[in-house]
């Protein structure tokens, strides 16, 4: 079942348009919840990287840009940043992470750090609506990405996010 199939008729078309997705092909998991909408505000929850790749790439294609491929190394960097922010219970510095990545030889890193989004759908929507975060999603030189969340149960934010994009 696709995201479009979760809705009927006009609602499917509206959902796909609002999400900026061409195919809306993310299937739901065994629990019946599409990974794009799966709550991440619980221990052990993790972003579905295939769903992230699909939605980011579709969004970029709609803007005349190439797809992004998942990168485990960038995800490790994203996870370290999200975990550190969750432990400190405050968002980290995107500039500091970009400098650290550049020092490690990562070409043209772009970073989105945020907190409070409970699902990939919420994070993606928030990032598209923020000019600064949207620039990262649409970074022309980006070809790969890493993404991670960290759960902070005692925090008002609950979930800390880190997205890293980079060129080859």
C-alpha atoms as a PDB file:
ATOM      1  CA  UNK A   1       0.000   0.000   0.000  1.00  0.00           C
ATOM      2  CA  UNK A   2       1.292   3.473  -0.850  1.00  0.00           C
ATOM      3  CA  UNK A   3       0.788   6.773   0.961  1.00  0.00           C
ATOM      4  CA  UNK A   4      -1.717   7.622  -1.759  1.00  0.00           C
ATOM      5  CA  UNK A   5      -3.632   4.433  -0.981  1.00  0.00           C
ATOM      6  CA  UNK A   6      -3.953   5.449   2.671  1.00  0.00           C
ATOM      7  CA  UNK A   7      -6.235   8.217   1.470  1.00  0.00           C
ATOM      8  CA  UNK A   8      -9.132   8.037  -0.946  1.00  0.00           C
ATOM      9  CA  UNK A   9      -9.997  10.054  -4.047  1.00  0.00           C
ATOM     10  CA  UNK A  10      -9.289  13.747  -3.742  1.00  0.00           C
ATOM     11  CA  UNK A  11      -7.671  13.305  -0.321  1.00  0.00           C
ATOM     12  CA  UNK A  12      -4.911  11.189  -1.912  1.00  0.00           C
ATOM     13  CA  UNK A  13      -4.158  13.836  -4.499  1.00  0.00           C
ATOM     14  CA  UNK A  14      -4.163  16.583  -1.870  1.00  0.00           C
ATOM     15  CA  UNK A  15      -1.869  14.573   0.441  1.00  0.00           C
ATOM     16  CA  UNK A  16       0.623  13.925  -2.353  1.00  0.00           C
ATOM     17  CA  UNK A  17       0.558  17.557  -3.457  1.00  0.00           C
ATOM     18  CA  UNK A  18       0.976  18.866   0.083  1.00  0.00           C
ATOM     19  CA  UNK A  19       3.909  16.558   0.636  1.00  0.00           C
ATOM     20  CA  UNK A  20       5.418  17.556  -2.702  1.00  0.00           C
ATOM     21  CA  UNK A  21       5.760  13.921  -3.717  1.00  0.00           C
ATOM     22  CA  UNK A  22       5.303  12.559  -7.183  1.00  0.00           C
ATOM     23  CA  UNK A  23       4.673   8.868  -6.564  1.00  0.00           C
ATOM     24  CA  UNK A  24       3.812   8.697  -2.881  1.00  0.00           C
ATOM     25  CA  UNK A  25       5.121   5.140  -2.795  1.00  0.00           C
ATOM     26  CA  UNK A  26       6.153   4.650   0.846  1.00  0.00           C
ATOM     27  CA  UNK A  27       4.463   1.456   2.071  1.00  0.00           C
ATOM     28  CA  UNK A  28       3.131   1.139   5.620  1.00  0.00           C
ATOM     29  CA  UNK A  29       4.932  -1.090   8.084  1.00  0.00           C
ATOM     30  CA  UNK A  30       3.483  -4.205   9.656  1.00  0.00           C
ATOM     31  CA  UNK A  31       1.840  -1.997  12.291  1.00  0.00           C
ATOM     32  CA  UNK A  32      -0.132  -0.256   9.521  1.00  0.00           C
ATOM     33  CA  UNK A  33       1.626   3.086   9.972  1.00  0.00           C
ATOM     34  CA  UNK A  34       3.657   4.383   7.052  1.00  0.00           C
ATOM     35  CA  UNK A  35       7.271   5.071   8.110  1.00  0.00           C
ATOM     36  CA  UNK A  36       6.791   8.730   7.149  1.00  0.00           C
ATOM     37  CA  UNK A  37       4.195   9.032   9.954  1.00  0.00           C
ATOM     38  CA  UNK A  38       5.678   6.640  12.533  1.00  0.00           C
ATOM     39  CA  UNK A  39       6.082   8.299  15.959  1.00  0.00           C
ATOM     40  CA  UNK A  40       9.702   8.646  17.025  1.00  0.00           C
ATOM     41  CA  UNK A  41       9.058   9.952  20.537  1.00  0.00           C
ATOM     42  CA  UNK A  42       9.814   6.672  22.284  1.00  0.00           C
ATOM     43  CA  UNK A  43      12.871   4.680  23.270  1.00  0.00           C
ATOM     44  CA  UNK A  44      14.390   2.632  20.479  1.00  0.00           C
ATOM     45  CA  UNK A  45      12.572   4.470  17.675  1.00  0.00           C
ATOM     46  CA  UNK A  46      14.612   5.270  14.580  1.00  0.00           C
ATOM     47  CA  UNK A  47      14.017   7.169  11.361  1.00  0.00           C
ATOM     48  CA  UNK A  48      13.268   4.893   8.421  1.00  0.00           C
ATOM     49  CA  UNK A  49      16.141   5.880   6.131  1.00  0.00           C
ATOM     50  CA  UNK A  50      14.489   4.388   3.035  1.00  0.00           C
ATOM     51  CA  UNK A  51      11.410   6.570   3.608  1.00  0.00           C
ATOM     52  CA  UNK A  52      13.659   9.588   4.198  1.00  0.00           C
ATOM     53  CA  UNK A  53      15.594   8.900   0.989  1.00  0.00           C
ATOM     54  CA  UNK A  54      12.356   8.558  -0.953  1.00  0.00           C
ATOM     55  CA  UNK A  55      10.767  11.747   0.317  1.00  0.00           C
ATOM     56  CA  UNK A  56      13.935  13.885   0.140  1.00  0.00           C
ATOM     57  CA  UNK A  57      14.739  12.642  -3.354  1.00  0.00           C
ATOM     58  CA  UNK A  58      11.189  13.193  -4.645  1.00  0.00           C
ATOM     59  CA  UNK A  59      11.223  16.715  -3.214  1.00  0.00           C
ATOM     60  CA  UNK A  60      14.583  17.442  -4.833  1.00  0.00           C
ATOM     61  CA  UNK A  61      13.454  16.007  -8.199  1.00  0.00           C
ATOM     62  CA  UNK A  62      10.430  18.320  -8.053  1.00  0.00           C
ATOM     63  CA  UNK A  63      12.956  21.158  -7.845  1.00  0.00           C
ATOM     64  CA  UNK A  64      15.130  19.910 -10.716  1.00  0.00           C
ATOM     65  CA  UNK A  65      17.815  18.382  -8.477  1.00  0.00           C
ATOM     66  CA  UNK A  66      19.259  14.908  -8.200  1.00  0.00           C
ATOM     67  CA  UNK A  67      18.263  12.274  -5.685  1.00  0.00           C
ATOM     68  CA  UNK A  68      20.056  11.726  -2.384  1.00  0.00           C
ATOM     69  CA  UNK A  69      21.433   8.337  -1.395  1.00  0.00           C
ATOM     70  CA  UNK A  70      21.745   7.095   2.167  1.00  0.00           C
ATOM     71  CA  UNK A  71      25.239   7.287   3.680  1.00  0.00           C
ATOM     72  CA  UNK A  72      25.961   5.301   6.852  1.00  0.00           C
ATOM     73  CA  UNK A  73      28.956   7.475   7.766  1.00  0.00           C
ATOM     74  CA  UNK A  74      26.905  10.663   7.622  1.00  0.00           C
ATOM     75  CA  UNK A  75      24.191   8.928   9.638  1.00  0.00           C
ATOM     76  CA  UNK A  76      26.789   8.123  12.304  1.00  0.00           C
ATOM     77  CA  UNK A  77      27.703  11.813  12.471  1.00  0.00           C
ATOM     78  CA  UNK A  78      24.013  12.760  12.613  1.00  0.00           C
ATOM     79  CA  UNK A  79      23.383  10.233  15.391  1.00  0.00           C
ATOM     80  CA  UNK A  80      26.294  11.563  17.455  1.00  0.00           C
ATOM     81  CA  UNK A  81      24.960  15.111  17.093  1.00  0.00           C
ATOM     82  CA  UNK A  82      21.342  14.202  17.929  1.00  0.00           C
ATOM     83  CA  UNK A  83      22.437  12.110  20.918  1.00  0.00           C
ATOM     84  CA  UNK A  84      24.646  14.896  22.250  1.00  0.00           C
ATOM     85  CA  UNK A  85      21.812  17.415  21.922  1.00  0.00           C
ATOM     86  CA  UNK A  86      19.364  15.050  23.650  1.00  0.00           C
ATOM     87  CA  UNK A  87      21.776  14.511  26.552  1.00  0.00           C
ATOM     88  CA  UNK A  88      22.320  18.255  26.928  1.00  0.00           C
ATOM     89  CA  UNK A  89      18.585  18.871  26.342  1.00  0.00           C
ATOM     90  CA  UNK A  90      19.332  21.728  23.973  1.00  0.00           C
ATOM     91  CA  UNK A  91      19.771  21.946  20.227  1.00  0.00           C
ATOM     92  CA  UNK A  92      23.354  21.752  19.013  1.00  0.00           C
ATOM     93  CA  UNK A  93      25.173  24.200  16.756  1.00  0.00           C
ATOM     94  CA  UNK A  94      24.831  23.466  13.045  1.00  0.00           C
ATOM     95  CA  UNK A  95      27.931  25.563  12.356  1.00  0.00           C
ATOM     96  CA  UNK A  96      30.008  23.505  14.795  1.00  0.00           C
ATOM     97  CA  UNK A  97      28.845  20.249  13.185  1.00  0.00           C
ATOM     98  CA  UNK A  98      29.552  21.582   9.677  1.00  0.00           C
ATOM     99  CA  UNK A  99      33.074  22.581  10.768  1.00  0.00           C
ATOM    100  CA  UNK A 100      33.672  19.154  12.313  1.00  0.00           C
ATOM    101  CA  UNK A 101      32.466  17.429   9.154  1.00  0.00           C
ATOM    102  CA  UNK A 102      34.592  19.641   6.904  1.00  0.00           C
ATOM    103  CA  UNK A 103      37.648  18.915   9.086  1.00  0.00           C
ATOM    104  CA  UNK A 104      36.984  15.187   8.494  1.00  0.00           C
ATOM    105  CA  UNK A 105      37.027  15.774   4.736  1.00  0.00           C
ATOM    106  CA  UNK A 106      33.281  15.809   4.118  1.00  0.00           C
ATOM    107  CA  UNK A 107      32.700  17.869   0.965  1.00  0.00           C
ATOM    108  CA  UNK A 108      30.157  20.709   1.181  1.00  0.00           C
ATOM    109  CA  UNK A 109      28.305  19.577   4.314  1.00  0.00           C
ATOM    110  CA  UNK A 110      24.843  20.941   4.970  1.00  0.00           C
ATOM    111  CA  UNK A 111      23.160  20.421   8.319  1.00  0.00           C
ATOM    112  CA  UNK A 112      19.647  20.623   9.721  1.00  0.00           C
ATOM    113  CA  UNK A 113      19.414  20.324  13.495  1.00  0.00           C
ATOM    114  CA  UNK A 114      16.067  20.606  15.209  1.00  0.00           C
ATOM    115  CA  UNK A 115      13.973  19.365  18.075  1.00  0.00           C
ATOM    116  CA  UNK A 116      10.359  18.660  18.851  1.00  0.00           C
ATOM    117  CA  UNK A 117       9.197  16.995  15.646  1.00  0.00           C
ATOM    118  CA  UNK A 118       7.567  13.654  16.495  1.00  0.00           C
ATOM    119  CA  UNK A 119       7.586  12.126  12.976  1.00  0.00           C
ATOM    120  CA  UNK A 120       9.567  12.297   9.757  1.00  0.00           C
ATOM    121  CA  UNK A 121       6.511  13.958   8.203  1.00  0.00           C
ATOM    122  CA  UNK A 122       6.615  16.763  10.791  1.00  0.00           C
ATOM    123  CA  UNK A 123      10.376  17.255  10.420  1.00  0.00           C
ATOM    124  CA  UNK A 124      10.205  17.310   6.623  1.00  0.00           C
ATOM    125  CA  UNK A 125       7.308  19.761   6.660  1.00  0.00           C
ATOM    126  CA  UNK A 126       9.060  22.034   9.158  1.00  0.00           C
ATOM    127  CA  UNK A 127      12.303  21.963   7.199  1.00  0.00           C
ATOM    128  CA  UNK A 128      10.540  22.810   3.927  1.00  0.00           C
ATOM    129  CA  UNK A 129       8.821  25.780   5.580  1.00  0.00           C
ATOM    130  CA  UNK A 130      12.050  27.195   7.033  1.00  0.00           C
ATOM    131  CA  UNK A 131      14.160  28.986   4.398  1.00  0.00           C
ATOM    132  CA  UNK A 132      17.412  28.056   6.174  1.00  0.00           C
ATOM    133  CA  UNK A 133      16.473  24.373   6.543  1.00  0.00           C
ATOM    134  CA  UNK A 134      14.988  24.207   3.051  1.00  0.00           C
ATOM    135  CA  UNK A 135      18.322  25.374   1.596  1.00  0.00           C
ATOM    136  CA  UNK A 136      19.901  22.247   3.090  1.00  0.00           C
ATOM    137  CA  UNK A 137      17.219  19.984   1.598  1.00  0.00           C
ATOM    138  CA  UNK A 138      17.783  21.632  -1.784  1.00  0.00           C
ATOM    139  CA  UNK A 139      21.561  21.995  -1.597  1.00  0.00           C
ATOM    140  CA  UNK A 140      22.584  21.639  -5.233  1.00  0.00           C
ATOM    141  CA  UNK A 141      25.884  19.845  -4.581  1.00  0.00           C
ATOM    142  CA  UNK A 142      24.342  17.261  -2.220  1.00  0.00           C
ATOM    143  CA  UNK A 143      24.315  13.640  -3.387  1.00  0.00           C
ATOM    144  CA  UNK A 144      24.094  11.752  -0.082  1.00  0.00           C
ATOM    145  CA  UNK A 145      22.569  12.146   3.353  1.00  0.00           C
ATOM    146  CA  UNK A 146      22.565  10.855   6.894  1.00  0.00           C
ATOM    147  CA  UNK A 147      19.723  11.301   9.348  1.00  0.00           C
ATOM    148  CA  UNK A 148      19.128  10.394  12.974  1.00  0.00           C
ATOM    149  CA  UNK A 149      16.990  11.168  15.982  1.00  0.00           C
ATOM    150  CA  UNK A 150      17.579  10.851  19.697  1.00  0.00           C
ATOM    151  CA  UNK A 151      14.800  10.465  22.238  1.00  0.00           C
ATOM    152  CA  UNK A 152      14.920  12.599  25.393  1.00  0.00           C
ATOM    153  CA  UNK A 153      11.955  11.500  27.547  1.00  0.00           C
ATOM    154  CA  UNK A 154      12.372  14.228  30.188  1.00  0.00           C
ATOM    155  CA  UNK A 155      12.706  17.022  27.645  1.00  0.00           C
ATOM    156  CA  UNK A 156       9.956  19.332  26.466  1.00  0.00           C
ATOM    157  CA  UNK A 157      11.184  18.535  22.931  1.00  0.00           C
ATOM    158  CA  UNK A 158      11.185  14.718  23.312  1.00  0.00           C
ATOM    159  CA  UNK A 159      12.976  14.166  19.964  1.00  0.00           C
ATOM    160  CA  UNK A 160      16.185  15.746  18.681  1.00  0.00           C
ATOM    161  CA  UNK A 161      16.939  15.577  14.944  1.00  0.00           C
ATOM    162  CA  UNK A 162      20.062  15.789  12.823  1.00  0.00           C
ATOM    163  CA  UNK A 163      20.172  15.691   9.030  1.00  0.00           C
ATOM    164  CA  UNK A 164      23.512  15.889   7.226  1.00  0.00           C
ATOM    165  CA  UNK A 165      23.838  16.253   3.449  1.00  0.00           C
ATOM    166  CA  UNK A 166      27.062  16.301   1.461  1.00  0.00           C
ATOM    167  CA  UNK A 167      28.485  15.956  -2.014  1.00  0.00           C
ATOM    168  CA  UNK A 168      30.706  13.156  -3.222  1.00  0.00           C
END
